[in-house]
Amino acid sequence: MLVVFACDRGTTDRADNTNNNADRAGYTAQDQSESPGDRDISQKVRSAVVRDDLSMNARNVKIITSGGVVTLRGPVASDEEKIRVATLAEKTDGVKRVDNQLEVNK
């Protein structure tokens, strides 16, 4: 028996940062510090973002920490989400500063 499932791409809730991240200079995953403290901060910020009630794109933003400075990059659904993600990062222990480079998809 062969079962085939189809999915309407227009209604699928998934992160698609391809267009937003193409040809962009700036921090990438390779810029993530390897220090245990910075990795821990990134992990804590990611956990807070994933637990929050945010869009799929917001849950998949780039979180890069170096020297306690968290850089946020990628698309979010609204100005409110942009602020919310930055606030979650700012409230994370060990964060010295947040560089919010998130962009609102309109």
PDB file of N, CA and C in Angstrom:
ATOM      1  N   MET A   1       0.851  -1.170   0.000  1.00  0.00           N
ATOM      2  CA  MET A   1       0.000   0.000   0.000  1.00  0.00           C
ATOM      3  C   MET A   1       0.898   1.234   0.000  1.00  0.00           C
ATOM      4  N   LEU A   2       0.581   2.174  -0.831  1.00  0.00           N
ATOM      5  CA  LEU A   2       1.325   3.423  -0.945  1.00  0.00           C
ATOM      6  C   LEU A   2       0.441   4.550  -0.447  1.00  0.00           C
ATOM      7  N   VAL A   3       0.948   5.317   0.510  1.00  0.00           N
ATOM      8  CA  VAL A   3       0.208   6.454   1.050  1.00  0.00           C
ATOM      9  C   VAL A   3       0.988   7.709   0.704  1.00  0.00           C
ATOM     10  N   VAL A   4       0.313   8.679   0.131  1.00  0.00           N
ATOM     11  CA  VAL A   4       0.950   9.925  -0.270  1.00  0.00           C
ATOM     12  C   VAL A   4       0.257  11.068   0.443  1.00  0.00           C
ATOM     13  N   PHE A   5       1.034  11.914   1.062  1.00  0.00           N
ATOM     14  CA  PHE A   5       0.503  13.088   1.736  1.00  0.00           C
ATOM     15  C   PHE A   5       0.963  14.324   0.991  1.00  0.00           C
ATOM     16  N   ALA A   6       0.090  15.286   0.893  1.00  0.00           N
ATOM     17  CA  ALA A   6       0.443  16.558   0.260  1.00  0.00           C
ATOM     18  C   ALA A   6       0.260  17.666   1.275  1.00  0.00           C
ATOM     19  N   CYS A   7       1.019  18.693   1.107  1.00  0.00           N
ATOM     20  CA  CYS A   7       0.948  19.820   2.031  1.00  0.00           C
ATOM     21  C   CYS A   7       0.912  21.105   1.222  1.00  0.00           C
ATOM     22  N   ASP A   8      -0.033  21.962   1.520  1.00  0.00           N
ATOM     23  CA  ASP A   8      -0.130  23.256   0.850  1.00  0.00           C
ATOM     24  C   ASP A   8       0.957  24.155   1.415  1.00  0.00           C
ATOM     25  N   ARG A   9       1.942  24.493   0.623  1.00  0.00           N
ATOM     26  CA  ARG A   9       3.064  25.310   1.094  1.00  0.00           C
ATOM     27  C   ARG A   9       2.613  26.659   1.611  1.00  0.00           C
ATOM     28  N   GLY A  10       1.493  27.150   1.135  1.00  0.00           N
ATOM     29  CA  GLY A  10       1.023  28.461   1.555  1.00  0.00           C
ATOM     30  C   GLY A  10       0.535  28.500   2.986  1.00  0.00           C
ATOM     31  N   THR A  11       0.188  27.354   3.544  1.00  0.00           N
ATOM     32  CA  THR A  11      -0.353  27.349   4.901  1.00  0.00           C
ATOM     33  C   THR A  11       0.573  26.696   5.910  1.00  0.00           C
ATOM     34  N   THR A  12       1.688  26.201   5.475  1.00  0.00           N
ATOM     35  CA  THR A  12       2.610  25.541   6.382  1.00  0.00           C
ATOM     36  C   THR A  12       3.343  26.577   7.225  1.00  0.00           C
ATOM     37  N   ASP A  13       3.305  26.387   8.549  1.00  0.00           N
ATOM     38  CA  ASP A  13       3.991  27.308   9.458  1.00  0.00           C
ATOM     39  C   ASP A  13       5.416  26.821   9.661  1.00  0.00           C
ATOM     40  N   ARG A  14       6.334  27.393   8.915  1.00  0.00           N
ATOM     41  CA  ARG A  14       7.736  26.996   9.032  1.00  0.00           C
ATOM     42  C   ARG A  14       8.612  28.215   8.800  1.00  0.00           C
ATOM     43  N   ALA A  15       9.768  28.139   9.325  1.00  0.00           N
ATOM     44  CA  ALA A  15      10.701  29.255   9.162  1.00  0.00           C
ATOM     45  C   ALA A  15      11.304  29.206   7.771  1.00  0.00           C
ATOM     46  N   ASP A  16      11.315  30.320   7.105  1.00  0.00           N
ATOM     47  CA  ASP A  16      11.977  30.420   5.813  1.00  0.00           C
ATOM     48  C   ASP A  16      12.738  31.735   5.787  1.00  0.00           C
ATOM     49  N   ASN A  17      13.986  31.663   6.172  1.00  0.00           N
ATOM     50  CA  ASN A  17      14.826  32.850   6.255  1.00  0.00           C
ATOM     51  C   ASN A  17      15.694  33.017   5.014  1.00  0.00           C
ATOM     52  N   THR A  18      15.474  32.195   4.012  1.00  0.00           N
ATOM     53  CA  THR A  18      16.347  32.183   2.844  1.00  0.00           C
ATOM     54  C   THR A  18      16.495  33.553   2.210  1.00  0.00           C
ATOM     55  N   ASN A  19      15.377  34.184   1.888  1.00  0.00           N
ATOM     56  CA  ASN A  19      15.447  35.491   1.230  1.00  0.00           C
ATOM     57  C   ASN A  19      16.004  36.560   2.153  1.00  0.00           C
ATOM     58  N   ASN A  20      15.674  36.483   3.423  1.00  0.00           N
ATOM     59  CA  ASN A  20      16.116  37.511   4.362  1.00  0.00           C
ATOM     60  C   ASN A  20      17.601  37.412   4.677  1.00  0.00           C
ATOM     61  N   ASN A  21      18.165  36.226   4.591  1.00  0.00           N
ATOM     62  CA  ASN A  21      19.564  36.050   4.964  1.00  0.00           C
ATOM     63  C   ASN A  21      20.513  36.049   3.770  1.00  0.00           C
ATOM     64  N   ALA A  22      19.974  36.031   2.569  1.00  0.00           N
ATOM     65  CA  ALA A  22      20.827  35.986   1.380  1.00  0.00           C
ATOM     66  C   ALA A  22      21.625  37.278   1.253  1.00  0.00           C
ATOM     67  N   ASP A  23      22.865  37.128   0.924  1.00  0.00           N
ATOM     68  CA  ASP A  23      23.743  38.277   0.659  1.00  0.00           C
ATOM     69  C   ASP A  23      23.826  39.263   1.814  1.00  0.00           C
ATOM     70  N   ARG A  24      23.797  38.781   3.025  1.00  0.00           N
ATOM     71  CA  ARG A  24      23.887  39.667   4.185  1.00  0.00           C
ATOM     72  C   ARG A  24      25.241  39.478   4.853  1.00  0.00           C
ATOM     73  N   ALA A  25      25.907  40.567   5.068  1.00  0.00           N
ATOM     74  CA  ALA A  25      27.163  40.513   5.813  1.00  0.00           C
ATOM     75  C   ALA A  25      26.826  40.648   7.288  1.00  0.00           C
ATOM     76  N   GLY A  26      27.719  40.230   8.134  1.00  0.00           N
ATOM     77  CA  GLY A  26      27.486  40.359   9.565  1.00  0.00           C
ATOM     78  C   GLY A  26      27.801  39.059  10.265  1.00  0.00           C
ATOM     79  N   TYR A  27      27.347  38.967  11.489  1.00  0.00           N
ATOM     80  CA  TYR A  27      27.624  37.792  12.300  1.00  0.00           C
ATOM     81  C   TYR A  27      26.976  36.544  11.726  1.00  0.00           C
ATOM     82  N   THR A  28      27.714  35.449  11.800  1.00  0.00           N
ATOM     83  CA  THR A  28      27.203  34.141  11.405  1.00  0.00           C
ATOM     84  C   THR A  28      27.492  33.173  12.541  1.00  0.00           C
ATOM     85  N   ALA A  29      27.044  31.950  12.393  1.00  0.00           N
ATOM     86  CA  ALA A  29      27.275  30.941  13.425  1.00  0.00           C
ATOM     87  C   ALA A  29      28.767  30.765  13.705  1.00  0.00           C
ATOM     88  N   GLN A  30      29.601  31.002  12.706  1.00  0.00           N
ATOM     89  CA  GLN A  30      31.045  30.864  12.904  1.00  0.00           C
ATOM     90  C   GLN A  30      31.605  31.936  13.839  1.00  0.00           C
ATOM     91  N   ASP A  31      30.841  33.002  14.062  1.00  0.00           N
ATOM     92  CA  ASP A  31      31.287  34.063  14.960  1.00  0.00           C
ATOM     93  C   ASP A  31      30.947  33.772  16.418  1.00  0.00           C
ATOM     94  N   GLN A  32      30.195  32.712  16.660  1.00  0.00           N
ATOM     95  CA  GLN A  32      29.843  32.333  18.021  1.00  0.00           C
ATOM     96  C   GLN A  32      31.113  32.003  18.788  1.00  0.00           C
ATOM     97  N   SER A  33      31.273  32.622  19.938  1.00  0.00           N
ATOM     98  CA  SER A  33      32.430  32.354  20.783  1.00  0.00           C
ATOM     99  C   SER A  33      32.381  30.915  21.282  1.00  0.00           C
ATOM    100  N   GLU A  34      33.525  30.313  21.408  1.00  0.00           N
ATOM    101  CA  GLU A  34      33.612  28.946  21.922  1.00  0.00           C
ATOM    102  C   GLU A  34      33.769  28.907  23.439  1.00  0.00           C
ATOM    103  N   SER A  35      33.781  30.065  24.085  1.00  0.00           N
ATOM    104  CA  SER A  35      33.922  30.056  25.543  1.00  0.00           C
ATOM    105  C   SER A  35      32.666  29.443  26.160  1.00  0.00           C
ATOM    106  N   PRO A  36      32.843  28.657  27.217  1.00  0.00           N
ATOM    107  CA  PRO A  36      31.679  28.028  27.853  1.00  0.00           C
ATOM    108  C   PRO A  36      30.623  29.042  28.294  1.00  0.00           C
ATOM    109  N   GLY A  37      31.052  30.205  28.772  1.00  0.00           N
ATOM    110  CA  GLY A  37      30.100  31.222  29.217  1.00  0.00           C
ATOM    111  C   GLY A  37      29.241  31.747  28.083  1.00  0.00           C
ATOM    112  N   ASP A  38      29.861  32.034  26.939  1.00  0.00           N
ATOM    113  CA  ASP A  38      29.115  32.536  25.782  1.00  0.00           C
ATOM    114  C   ASP A  38      28.190  31.469  25.206  1.00  0.00           C
ATOM    115  N   ARG A  39      28.665  30.242  25.138  1.00  0.00           N
ATOM    116  CA  ARG A  39      27.804  29.156  24.642  1.00  0.00           C
ATOM    117  C   ARG A  39      26.611  28.965  25.562  1.00  0.00           C
ATOM    118  N   ASP A  40      26.836  29.072  26.863  1.00  0.00           N
ATOM    119  CA  ASP A  40      25.756  28.928  27.839  1.00  0.00           C
ATOM    120  C   ASP A  40      24.720  30.043  27.668  1.00  0.00           C
ATOM    121  N   ILE A  41      25.186  31.266  27.457  1.00  0.00           N
ATOM    122  CA  ILE A  41      24.271  32.395  27.244  1.00  0.00           C
ATOM    123  C   ILE A  41      23.418  32.146  25.999  1.00  0.00           C
ATOM    124  N   SER A  42      24.041  31.766  24.894  1.00  0.00           N
ATOM    125  CA  SER A  42      23.285  31.507  23.663  1.00  0.00           C
ATOM    126  C   SER A  42      22.241  30.417  23.877  1.00  0.00           C
ATOM    127  N   GLN A  43      22.623  29.379  24.595  1.00  0.00           N
ATOM    128  CA  GLN A  43      21.698  28.277  24.864  1.00  0.00           C
ATOM    129  C   GLN A  43      20.518  28.743  25.719  1.00  0.00           C
ATOM    130  N   LYS A  44      20.791  29.563  26.724  1.00  0.00           N
ATOM    131  CA  LYS A  44      19.715  30.067  27.585  1.00  0.00           C
ATOM    132  C   LYS A  44      18.779  31.005  26.822  1.00  0.00           C
ATOM    133  N   VAL A  45      19.343  31.860  25.980  1.00  0.00           N
ATOM    134  CA  VAL A  45      18.507  32.757  25.173  1.00  0.00           C
ATOM    135  C   VAL A  45      17.646  31.924  24.232  1.00  0.00           C
ATOM    136  N   ARG A  46      18.241  30.951  23.551  1.00  0.00           N
ATOM    137  CA  ARG A  46      17.485  30.092  22.628  1.00  0.00           C
ATOM    138  C   ARG A  46      16.342  29.390  23.363  1.00  0.00           C
ATOM    139  N   SER A  47      16.609  28.853  24.535  1.00  0.00           N
ATOM    140  CA  SER A  47      15.565  28.173  25.308  1.00  0.00           C
ATOM    141  C   SER A  47      14.422  29.116  25.648  1.00  0.00           C
ATOM    142  N   ALA A  48      14.751  30.333  26.052  1.00  0.00           N
ATOM    143  CA  ALA A  48      13.714  31.314  26.393  1.00  0.00           C
ATOM    144  C   ALA A  48      12.881  31.677  25.170  1.00  0.00           C
ATOM    145  N   VAL A  49      13.527  31.843  24.033  1.00  0.00           N
ATOM    146  CA  VAL A  49      12.824  32.210  22.798  1.00  0.00           C
ATOM    147  C   VAL A  49      11.903  31.072  22.354  1.00  0.00           C
ATOM    148  N   VAL A  50      12.390  29.849  22.412  1.00  0.00           N
ATOM    149  CA  VAL A  50      11.596  28.701  21.973  1.00  0.00           C
ATOM    150  C   VAL A  50      10.391  28.488  22.887  1.00  0.00           C
ATOM    151  N   ARG A  51      10.546  28.738  24.176  1.00  0.00           N
ATOM    152  CA  ARG A  51       9.436  28.560  25.130  1.00  0.00           C
ATOM    153  C   ARG A  51       8.359  29.620  24.978  1.00  0.00           C
ATOM    154  N   ASP A  52       8.709  30.772  24.432  1.00  0.00           N
ATOM    155  CA  ASP A  52       7.765  31.879  24.338  1.00  0.00           C
ATOM    156  C   ASP A  52       6.796  31.656  23.174  1.00  0.00           C
ATOM    157  N   ASP A  53       5.679  32.381  23.213  1.00  0.00           N
ATOM    158  CA  ASP A  53       4.651  32.273  22.172  1.00  0.00           C
ATOM    159  C   ASP A  53       5.000  33.210  21.014  1.00  0.00           C
ATOM    160  N   LEU A  54       5.905  32.751  20.152  1.00  0.00           N
ATOM    161  CA  LEU A  54       6.404  33.556  19.035  1.00  0.00           C
ATOM    162  C   LEU A  54       6.181  32.809  17.725  1.00  0.00           C
ATOM    163  N   SER A  55       6.308  33.518  16.616  1.00  0.00           N
ATOM    164  CA  SER A  55       6.186  32.883  15.301  1.00  0.00           C
ATOM    165  C   SER A  55       7.352  31.915  15.081  1.00  0.00           C
ATOM    166  N   MET A  56       7.191  31.045  14.102  1.00  0.00           N
ATOM    167  CA  MET A  56       8.251  30.085  13.788  1.00  0.00           C
ATOM    168  C   MET A  56       9.536  30.815  13.379  1.00  0.00           C
ATOM    169  N   ASN A  57       9.423  31.883  12.595  1.00  0.00           N
ATOM    170  CA  ASN A  57      10.622  32.638  12.219  1.00  0.00           C
ATOM    171  C   ASN A  57      11.321  33.201  13.446  1.00  0.00           C
ATOM    172  N   ALA A  58      10.558  33.766  14.376  1.00  0.00           N
ATOM    173  CA  ALA A  58      11.157  34.342  15.582  1.00  0.00           C
ATOM    174  C   ALA A  58      11.858  33.272  16.406  1.00  0.00           C
ATOM    175  N   ARG A  59      11.296  32.086  16.447  1.00  0.00           N
ATOM    176  CA  ARG A  59      11.919  30.993  17.205  1.00  0.00           C
ATOM    177  C   ARG A  59      13.214  30.519  16.563  1.00  0.00           C
ATOM    178  N   ASN A  60      13.425  30.886  15.313  1.00  0.00           N
ATOM    179  CA  ASN A  60      14.602  30.418  14.584  1.00  0.00           C
ATOM    180  C   ASN A  60      15.592  31.527  14.248  1.00  0.00           C
ATOM    181  N   VAL A  61      15.526  32.650  14.953  1.00  0.00           N
ATOM    182  CA  VAL A  61      16.484  33.723  14.690  1.00  0.00           C
ATOM    183  C   VAL A  61      17.889  33.264  15.063  1.00  0.00           C
ATOM    184  N   LYS A  62      18.876  33.903  14.471  1.00  0.00           N
ATOM    185  CA  LYS A  62      20.266  33.610  14.815  1.00  0.00           C
ATOM    186  C   LYS A  62      20.580  34.286  16.140  1.00  0.00           C
ATOM    187  N   ILE A  63      21.187  33.531  17.035  1.00  0.00           N
ATOM    188  CA  ILE A  63      21.609  34.044  18.338  1.00  0.00           C
ATOM    189  C   ILE A  63      23.104  33.778  18.439  1.00  0.00           C
ATOM    190  N   ILE A  64      23.890  34.842  18.438  1.00  0.00           N
ATOM    191  CA  ILE A  64      25.346  34.730  18.443  1.00  0.00           C
ATOM    192  C   ILE A  64      25.873  35.520  19.629  1.00  0.00           C
ATOM    193  N   THR A  65      26.653  34.867  20.475  1.00  0.00           N
ATOM    194  CA  THR A  65      27.182  35.523  21.665  1.00  0.00           C
ATOM    195  C   THR A  65      28.704  35.538  21.618  1.00  0.00           C
ATOM    196  N   SER A  66      29.260  36.702  21.879  1.00  0.00           N
ATOM    197  CA  SER A  66      30.709  36.853  21.942  1.00  0.00           C
ATOM    198  C   SER A  66      31.026  37.895  23.009  1.00  0.00           C
ATOM    199  N   GLY A  67      31.776  37.500  24.017  1.00  0.00           N
ATOM    200  CA  GLY A  67      32.130  38.417  25.094  1.00  0.00           C
ATOM    201  C   GLY A  67      30.924  38.910  25.882  1.00  0.00           C
ATOM    202  N   GLY A  68      29.886  38.096  25.957  1.00  0.00           N
ATOM    203  CA  GLY A  68      28.680  38.480  26.689  1.00  0.00           C
ATOM    204  C   GLY A  68      27.727  39.354  25.895  1.00  0.00           C
ATOM    205  N   VAL A  69      28.117  39.721  24.664  1.00  0.00           N
ATOM    206  CA  VAL A  69      27.254  40.531  23.794  1.00  0.00           C
ATOM    207  C   VAL A  69      26.479  39.585  22.881  1.00  0.00           C
ATOM    208  N   VAL A  70      25.153  39.665  22.950  1.00  0.00           N
ATOM    209  CA  VAL A  70      24.283  38.806  22.147  1.00  0.00           C
ATOM    210  C   VAL A  70      23.836  39.571  20.908  1.00  0.00           C
ATOM    211  N   THR A  71      24.091  39.002  19.742  1.00  0.00           N
ATOM    212  CA  THR A  71      23.619  39.571  18.482  1.00  0.00           C
ATOM    213  C   THR A  71      22.456  38.725  17.994  1.00  0.00           C
ATOM    214  N   LEU A  72      21.346  39.396  17.681  1.00  0.00           N
ATOM    215  CA  LEU A  72      20.145  38.734  17.175  1.00  0.00           C
ATOM    216  C   LEU A  72      19.970  39.118  15.716  1.00  0.00           C
ATOM    217  N   ARG A  73      19.818  38.107  14.829  1.00  0.00           N
ATOM    218  CA  ARG A  73      19.651  38.377  13.395  1.00  0.00           C
ATOM    219  C   ARG A  73      18.567  37.479  12.836  1.00  0.00           C
ATOM    220  N   GLY A  74      17.843  38.017  11.859  1.00  0.00           N
ATOM    221  CA  GLY A  74      16.840  37.230  11.164  1.00  0.00           C
ATOM    222  C   GLY A  74      15.490  37.917  11.161  1.00  0.00           C
ATOM    223  N   PRO A  75      14.513  37.284  10.519  1.00  0.00           N
ATOM    224  CA  PRO A  75      13.185  37.886  10.399  1.00  0.00           C
ATOM    225  C   PRO A  75      12.275  37.539  11.569  1.00  0.00           C
ATOM    226  N   VAL A  76      11.394  38.464  11.896  1.00  0.00           N
ATOM    227  CA  VAL A  76      10.320  38.241  12.866  1.00  0.00           C
ATOM    228  C   VAL A  76       9.032  38.780  12.256  1.00  0.00           C
ATOM    229  N   ALA A  77       7.903  38.420  12.856  1.00  0.00           N
ATOM    230  CA  ALA A  77       6.604  38.753  12.266  1.00  0.00           C
ATOM    231  C   ALA A  77       6.133  40.175  12.551  1.00  0.00           C
ATOM    232  N   SER A  78       6.643  40.796  13.624  1.00  0.00           N
ATOM    233  CA  SER A  78       6.115  42.112  14.004  1.00  0.00           C
ATOM    234  C   SER A  78       7.131  42.879  14.842  1.00  0.00           C
ATOM    235  N   ASP A  79       6.849  44.169  15.016  1.00  0.00           N
ATOM    236  CA  ASP A  79       7.685  44.987  15.901  1.00  0.00           C
ATOM    237  C   ASP A  79       7.637  44.445  17.322  1.00  0.00           C
ATOM    238  N   GLU A  80       6.470  43.954  17.735  1.00  0.00           N
ATOM    239  CA  GLU A  80       6.316  43.401  19.083  1.00  0.00           C
ATOM    240  C   GLU A  80       7.223  42.188  19.274  1.00  0.00           C
ATOM    241  N   GLU A  81       7.299  41.317  18.251  1.00  0.00           N
ATOM    242  CA  GLU A  81       8.188  40.159  18.356  1.00  0.00           C
ATOM    243  C   GLU A  81       9.647  40.590  18.416  1.00  0.00           C
ATOM    244  N   LYS A  82      10.006  41.581  17.651  1.00  0.00           N
ATOM    245  CA  LYS A  82      11.382  42.087  17.660  1.00  0.00           C
ATOM    246  C   LYS A  82      11.756  42.536  19.070  1.00  0.00           C
ATOM    247  N   ILE A  83      10.866  43.280  19.689  1.00  0.00           N
ATOM    248  CA  ILE A  83      11.103  43.761  21.055  1.00  0.00           C
ATOM    249  C   ILE A  83      11.114  42.598  22.035  1.00  0.00           C
ATOM    250  N   ARG A  84      10.183  41.656  21.875  1.00  0.00           N
ATOM    251  CA  ARG A  84      10.068  40.528  22.805  1.00  0.00           C
ATOM    252  C   ARG A  84      11.329  39.667  22.782  1.00  0.00           C
ATOM    253  N   VAL A  85      11.831  39.345  21.605  1.00  0.00           N
ATOM    254  CA  VAL A  85      13.035  38.511  21.512  1.00  0.00           C
ATOM    255  C   VAL A  85      14.219  39.229  22.159  1.00  0.00           C
ATOM    256  N   ALA A  86      14.366  40.518  21.896  1.00  0.00           N
ATOM    257  CA  ALA A  86      15.457  41.288  22.505  1.00  0.00           C
ATOM    258  C   ALA A  86      15.313  41.336  24.019  1.00  0.00           C
ATOM    259  N   THR A  87      14.088  41.485  24.499  1.00  0.00           N
ATOM    260  CA  THR A  87      13.847  41.526  25.946  1.00  0.00           C
ATOM    261  C   THR A  87      14.208  40.195  26.589  1.00  0.00           C
ATOM    262  N   LEU A  88      13.840  39.093  25.952  1.00  0.00           N
ATOM    263  CA  LEU A  88      14.203  37.776  26.482  1.00  0.00           C
ATOM    264  C   LEU A  88      15.721  37.640  26.572  1.00  0.00           C
ATOM    265  N   ALA A  89      16.429  38.126  25.561  1.00  0.00           N
ATOM    266  CA  ALA A  89      17.892  38.064  25.580  1.00  0.00           C
ATOM    267  C   ALA A  89      18.458  38.940  26.694  1.00  0.00           C
ATOM    268  N   GLU A  90      17.929  40.161  26.825  1.00  0.00           N
ATOM    269  CA  GLU A  90      18.425  41.096  27.844  1.00  0.00           C
ATOM    270  C   GLU A  90      18.244  40.555  29.256  1.00  0.00           C
ATOM    271  N   LYS A  91      17.204  39.779  29.488  1.00  0.00           N
ATOM    272  CA  LYS A  91      16.908  39.245  30.819  1.00  0.00           C
ATOM    273  C   LYS A  91      17.734  38.005  31.155  1.00  0.00           C
ATOM    274  N   THR A  92      18.513  37.522  30.217  1.00  0.00           N
ATOM    275  CA  THR A  92      19.300  36.313  30.426  1.00  0.00           C
ATOM    276  C   THR A  92      20.561  36.632  31.225  1.00  0.00           C
ATOM    277  N   ASP A  93      20.816  35.823  32.247  1.00  0.00           N
ATOM    278  CA  ASP A  93      22.006  36.013  33.081  1.00  0.00           C
ATOM    279  C   ASP A  93      23.275  35.996  32.237  1.00  0.00           C
ATOM    280  N   GLY A  94      24.158  36.934  32.507  1.00  0.00           N
ATOM    281  CA  GLY A  94      25.449  36.993  31.842  1.00  0.00           C
ATOM    282  C   GLY A  94      25.492  37.888  30.621  1.00  0.00           C
ATOM    283  N   VAL A  95      24.324  38.338  30.146  1.00  0.00           N
ATOM    284  CA  VAL A  95      24.288  39.185  28.955  1.00  0.00           C
ATOM    285  C   VAL A  95      24.702  40.605  29.322  1.00  0.00           C
ATOM    286  N   LYS A  96      25.719  41.118  28.636  1.00  0.00           N
ATOM    287  CA  LYS A  96      26.185  42.485  28.868  1.00  0.00           C
ATOM    288  C   LYS A  96      25.417  43.490  28.014  1.00  0.00           C
ATOM    289  N   ARG A  97      25.103  43.074  26.783  1.00  0.00           N
ATOM    290  CA  ARG A  97      24.428  43.969  25.842  1.00  0.00           C
ATOM    291  C   ARG A  97      23.793  43.123  24.751  1.00  0.00           C
ATOM    292  N   VAL A  98      22.715  43.659  24.151  1.00  0.00           N
ATOM    293  CA  VAL A  98      22.058  42.981  23.029  1.00  0.00           C
ATOM    294  C   VAL A  98      22.137  43.877  21.797  1.00  0.00           C
ATOM    295  N   ASP A  99      22.643  43.325  20.712  1.00  0.00           N
ATOM    296  CA  ASP A  99      22.678  44.005  19.419  1.00  0.00           C
ATOM    297  C   ASP A  99      21.514  43.437  18.603  1.00  0.00           C
ATOM    298  N   ASN A 100      20.408  44.164  18.580  1.00  0.00           N
ATOM    299  CA  ASN A 100      19.185  43.683  17.947  1.00  0.00           C
ATOM    300  C   ASN A 100      19.177  44.051  16.462  1.00  0.00           C
ATOM    301  N   GLN A 101      19.515  43.084  15.621  1.00  0.00           N
ATOM    302  CA  GLN A 101      19.514  43.268  14.169  1.00  0.00           C
ATOM    303  C   GLN A 101      18.329  42.555  13.521  1.00  0.00           C
ATOM    304  N   LEU A 102      17.320  42.222  14.318  1.00  0.00           N
ATOM    305  CA  LEU A 102      16.143  41.534  13.785  1.00  0.00           C
ATOM    306  C   LEU A 102      15.397  42.447  12.823  1.00  0.00           C
ATOM    307  N   GLU A 103      14.800  41.851  11.810  1.00  0.00           N
ATOM    308  CA  GLU A 103      14.054  42.608  10.808  1.00  0.00           C
ATOM    309  C   GLU A 103      12.617  42.124  10.762  1.00  0.00           C
ATOM    310  N   VAL A 104      11.692  43.075  10.695  1.00  0.00           N
ATOM    311  CA  VAL A 104      10.267  42.759  10.666  1.00  0.00           C
ATOM    312  C   VAL A 104       9.847  42.488   9.226  1.00  0.00           C
ATOM    313  N   ASN A 105       9.247  41.307   9.015  1.00  0.00           N
ATOM    314  CA  ASN A 105       8.669  40.985   7.699  1.00  0.00           C
ATOM    315  C   ASN A 105       7.354  41.714   7.567  1.00  0.00           C
ATOM    316  N   LYS A 106       7.212  42.511   6.537  1.00  0.00           N
ATOM    317  CA  LYS A 106       5.943  43.234   6.334  1.00  0.00           C
ATOM    318  C   LYS A 106       5.386  42.934   4.982  1.00  0.00           C
TER     319      LYS A 106
END
